[in-house]
């Protein structure tokens, strides 16, 4: 059941609607990401939805959606869809519940390694905050509608060392796009990640993350 632990490494979902409005001027990308990182550090709970397009060895996640909170001992619950070569259809869907360092699913239960607890991803020292802090070459690319609200899209790169601290399977710099709320206070609302393939004959892996209902 260690594969379930990997589901919490990154929480992701569908893309934005419509074409970006590239008419500026826009706030500087580094400023937007910095402000979003500051506000996200204080987030205690969030609804997440995630999707993976492609195959990343050791990371079987296809889709995951649910709610996570740092309160009441850290917990999360939702549904997941993972690749499973032993399943007739090649993947398995199940419900999950996480309480602290323990998880349970329709398929079984067990201990959750400390590296994959909710606090390793949410909070001031969590992995998502580290991704924001580690973003380089930030450039504001335009304005888009995200989950019904206007947001500013920022493109940039995340060094391999930072990416690997969040997702151990990654060993390369990442191309990323961050969406930050157009309104104040700035909020980190969506993430798109492109992971280079380990072999030039393979396609890159795309990961998208949506974070709503932040509290």
Protein backbone atom coordinates (compact mmCIF):
# COMPACT_ATOMS: atom_id res chain seq x y z
CA UNK A 1 0.00 0.00 0.00
CA UNK A 2 2.99 2.33 -0.16
CA UNK A 3 1.69 3.53 -3.52
CA UNK A 4 -1.03 5.45 -1.67
CA UNK A 5 1.60 7.50 0.11
CA UNK A 6 2.76 8.72 -3.28
CA UNK A 7 -0.69 10.11 -4.04
CA UNK A 8 -0.18 12.90 -1.57
CA UNK A 9 3.08 14.09 -3.04
CA UNK A 10 1.32 16.44 -5.44
CA UNK A 11 -2.38 17.34 -5.67
CA UNK A 12 -3.61 18.31 -9.14
CA UNK A 13 -6.48 18.98 -11.79
CA UNK A 14 -7.92 20.32 -15.04
CA UNK A 15 -6.67 23.35 -16.92
CA UNK A 16 -8.05 26.84 -17.30
CA UNK A 17 -10.84 27.92 -19.61
CA UNK A 18 -10.43 30.18 -22.63
CA UNK A 19 -7.36 31.92 -24.03
CA UNK A 20 -5.25 34.19 -21.83
CA UNK A 21 -5.66 37.96 -22.07
CA UNK A 22 -2.13 39.14 -22.78
CA UNK A 23 -2.91 42.84 -22.72
CA UNK A 24 -0.87 44.43 -19.97
CA UNK A 25 0.58 45.96 -18.08
CA UNK A 26 0.66 43.21 -15.44
CA UNK A 27 2.31 43.02 -12.02
CA UNK A 28 5.80 41.52 -12.10
CA UNK A 29 5.84 37.74 -11.96
CA UNK A 30 8.27 37.54 -9.04
CA UNK A 31 6.08 39.90 -7.04
CA UNK A 32 2.93 37.86 -7.73
CA UNK A 33 4.57 34.58 -6.74
CA UNK A 34 6.11 36.08 -3.62
CA UNK A 35 2.76 37.49 -2.45
CA UNK A 36 0.99 34.21 -3.23
CA UNK A 37 3.61 32.25 -1.27
CA UNK A 38 3.14 34.53 1.73
CA UNK A 39 -0.63 34.05 1.78
CA UNK A 40 -0.41 30.30 1.10
CA UNK A 41 1.86 29.82 4.10
CA UNK A 42 -1.10 30.69 6.33
CA UNK A 43 -3.57 28.29 4.64
CA UNK A 44 -4.75 25.59 7.06
CA UNK A 45 -7.22 23.77 4.85
CA UNK A 46 -7.94 23.35 1.14
CA UNK A 47 -9.97 21.44 -1.42
CA UNK A 48 -7.62 19.92 -3.98
CA UNK A 49 -8.07 18.27 -7.35
CA UNK A 50 -5.23 16.84 -9.39
CA UNK A 51 -4.48 15.03 -12.62
CA UNK A 52 -1.42 13.51 -14.26
CA UNK A 53 -1.00 13.19 -18.03
CA UNK A 54 1.74 10.69 -18.77
CA UNK A 55 3.65 8.03 -16.90
CA UNK A 56 6.18 8.92 -14.21
CA UNK A 57 7.97 5.80 -12.91
CA UNK A 58 7.22 5.23 -9.25
CA UNK A 59 4.32 7.69 -9.29
CA UNK A 60 1.10 5.87 -10.32
CA UNK A 61 -1.33 8.74 -9.75
CA UNK A 62 -3.85 9.48 -12.51
CA UNK A 63 -6.38 11.62 -10.62
CA UNK A 64 -7.06 12.63 -7.03
CA UNK A 65 -9.57 14.96 -5.41
CA UNK A 66 -10.49 15.72 -1.82
CA UNK A 67 -10.04 17.96 1.18
CA UNK A 68 -7.03 18.37 3.45
CA UNK A 69 -6.51 20.25 6.70
CA UNK A 70 -3.69 20.85 9.15
CA UNK A 71 -6.16 21.13 12.03
CA UNK A 72 -7.28 18.31 14.34
CA UNK A 73 -4.07 16.35 13.97
CA UNK A 74 -3.82 16.70 10.17
CA UNK A 75 -6.31 14.87 7.97
CA UNK A 76 -7.41 14.39 4.38
CA UNK A 77 -10.13 12.50 2.55
CA UNK A 78 -11.32 12.03 -1.00
CA UNK A 79 -11.09 9.77 -4.04
CA UNK A 80 -8.13 8.62 -6.10
CA UNK A 81 -7.46 6.86 -9.40
CA UNK A 82 -4.10 5.12 -9.81
CA UNK A 83 -2.42 3.02 -12.45
CA UNK A 84 -2.42 -0.68 -11.59
CA UNK A 85 -1.10 -3.22 -14.07
CA UNK A 86 -2.75 -5.97 -12.02
CA UNK A 87 -6.21 -4.50 -12.61
CA UNK A 88 -8.18 -5.53 -15.66
CA UNK A 89 -8.63 -1.95 -16.83
CA UNK A 90 -5.11 -0.86 -15.95
CA UNK A 91 -6.16 1.40 -13.07
CA UNK A 92 -8.01 1.34 -9.76
CA UNK A 93 -10.31 3.92 -8.18
CA UNK A 94 -10.83 4.10 -4.42
CA UNK A 95 -11.81 6.32 -1.50
CA UNK A 96 -9.20 7.29 1.07
CA UNK A 97 -8.97 8.81 4.55
CA UNK A 98 -5.80 10.10 6.19
CA UNK A 99 -5.48 10.85 9.89
CA UNK A 100 -2.04 11.98 10.94
CA UNK A 101 0.33 9.19 9.90
CA UNK A 102 -2.36 6.59 9.30
CA UNK A 103 -4.36 6.01 6.12
CA UNK A 104 -7.23 3.79 5.12
CA UNK A 105 -8.72 3.01 1.71
CA UNK A 106 -11.22 0.64 0.13
CA UNK A 107 -8.20 -1.58 -0.51
CA UNK A 108 -6.71 -1.62 2.97
CA UNK A 109 -5.01 0.51 5.62
CA UNK A 110 -1.62 1.16 7.10
CA UNK A 111 0.93 3.70 8.37
CA UNK A 112 1.64 6.79 6.28
CA UNK A 113 5.34 7.76 6.15
CA UNK A 114 6.15 11.16 7.63
CA UNK A 115 7.36 12.31 4.22
CA UNK A 116 3.78 12.18 2.90
CA UNK A 117 1.73 13.65 5.73
CA UNK A 118 -0.49 16.68 5.13
CA UNK A 119 1.97 19.01 6.86
CA UNK A 120 4.70 18.07 4.39
CA UNK A 121 2.69 19.78 1.66
CA UNK A 122 0.55 22.41 3.34
CA UNK A 123 1.73 25.12 5.70
CA UNK A 124 4.64 27.50 5.95
CA UNK A 125 7.22 24.72 5.54
CA UNK A 126 5.27 22.46 3.18
CA UNK A 127 6.32 21.34 -0.26
CA UNK A 128 3.90 23.56 -2.17
CA UNK A 129 5.24 26.63 -0.40
CA UNK A 130 8.79 25.48 -1.24
CA UNK A 131 7.86 25.24 -4.91
CA UNK A 132 6.62 28.82 -4.87
CA UNK A 133 9.69 30.04 -3.01
CA UNK A 134 11.98 28.19 -5.43
CA UNK A 135 10.47 29.53 -8.65
CA UNK A 136 12.98 31.36 -10.85
CA UNK A 137 12.74 33.39 -14.06
CA UNK A 138 9.16 34.36 -13.18
CA UNK A 139 7.32 36.18 -15.96
CA UNK A 140 3.67 37.23 -15.98
CA UNK A 141 2.11 35.81 -19.16
CA UNK A 142 -1.50 37.00 -19.02
CA UNK A 143 -4.87 36.87 -17.33
CA UNK A 144 -7.20 33.83 -17.38
CA UNK A 145 -10.40 32.64 -15.74
CA UNK A 146 -9.67 29.98 -13.10
CA UNK A 147 -12.53 28.30 -11.26
CA UNK A 148 -14.81 31.22 -12.08
CA UNK A 149 -12.45 34.00 -11.01
CA UNK A 150 -9.79 36.05 -12.85
CA UNK A 151 -6.21 35.00 -12.21
CA UNK A 152 -2.77 35.99 -13.46
CA UNK A 153 -0.60 33.31 -15.03
CA UNK A 154 3.11 33.31 -14.24
CA UNK A 155 5.61 31.12 -16.07
CA UNK A 156 8.97 30.08 -14.67
CA UNK A 157 11.27 27.26 -13.67
CA UNK A 158 11.84 25.27 -10.49
CA UNK A 159 15.39 23.92 -9.96
CA UNK A 160 15.77 20.16 -9.69
CA UNK A 161 16.94 20.33 -6.07
CA UNK A 162 13.72 22.07 -5.04
CA UNK A 163 11.51 19.79 -7.14
CA UNK A 164 13.20 16.66 -5.77
CA UNK A 165 12.54 17.80 -2.19
CA UNK A 166 8.82 17.64 -3.00
CA UNK A 167 8.67 14.71 -5.43
CA UNK A 168 11.55 12.27 -5.12
CA UNK A 169 10.99 10.85 -8.61
CA UNK A 170 11.98 14.16 -10.24
CA UNK A 171 15.63 14.71 -11.12
CA UNK A 172 15.50 17.68 -13.49
CA UNK A 173 14.55 21.34 -13.61
CA UNK A 174 10.82 21.84 -14.12
CA UNK A 175 8.91 24.18 -16.39
CA UNK A 176 5.99 25.47 -14.34
CA UNK A 177 3.07 27.84 -14.55
CA UNK A 178 1.53 29.36 -11.45
CA UNK A 179 -1.88 31.02 -11.35
CA UNK A 180 -2.34 33.76 -8.76
CA UNK A 181 -5.65 35.43 -7.97
CA UNK A 182 -6.09 38.79 -9.68
CA UNK A 183 -7.75 40.20 -6.56
CA UNK A 184 -6.09 40.94 -3.24
CA UNK A 185 -4.88 39.23 -1.19
CA UNK A 186 -3.00 37.27 -3.84
CA UNK A 187 -3.73 33.54 -3.63
CA UNK A 188 -2.02 30.54 -5.19
CA UNK A 189 -4.91 28.88 -7.05
CA UNK A 190 -3.42 26.58 -9.67
CA UNK A 191 -0.18 24.89 -10.67
CA UNK A 192 0.93 23.30 -13.95
CA UNK A 193 4.17 21.30 -14.06
CA UNK A 194 6.02 19.77 -16.99
CA UNK A 195 8.46 17.02 -16.00
CA UNK A 196 11.11 16.20 -18.64
CA UNK A 197 11.19 12.52 -19.71
CA UNK A 198 14.10 10.35 -18.52
CA UNK A 199 14.52 9.23 -22.14
CA UNK A 200 14.32 11.46 -25.24
CA UNK A 201 12.04 8.87 -26.86
CA UNK A 202 9.39 9.43 -24.17
CA UNK A 203 6.94 12.30 -23.76
CA UNK A 204 7.11 14.72 -20.83
CA UNK A 205 4.71 14.22 -17.93
CA UNK A 206 2.19 16.99 -17.29
CA UNK A 207 0.77 17.56 -13.81
CA UNK A 208 -1.94 20.06 -12.92
CA UNK A 209 -3.12 21.11 -9.49
CA UNK A 210 -6.14 23.14 -8.40
CA UNK A 211 -6.52 24.54 -4.88
CA UNK A 212 -9.90 25.97 -3.85
CA UNK A 213 -11.86 26.66 -0.67
CA UNK A 214 -8.69 27.81 1.08
CA UNK A 215 -9.05 28.64 4.76
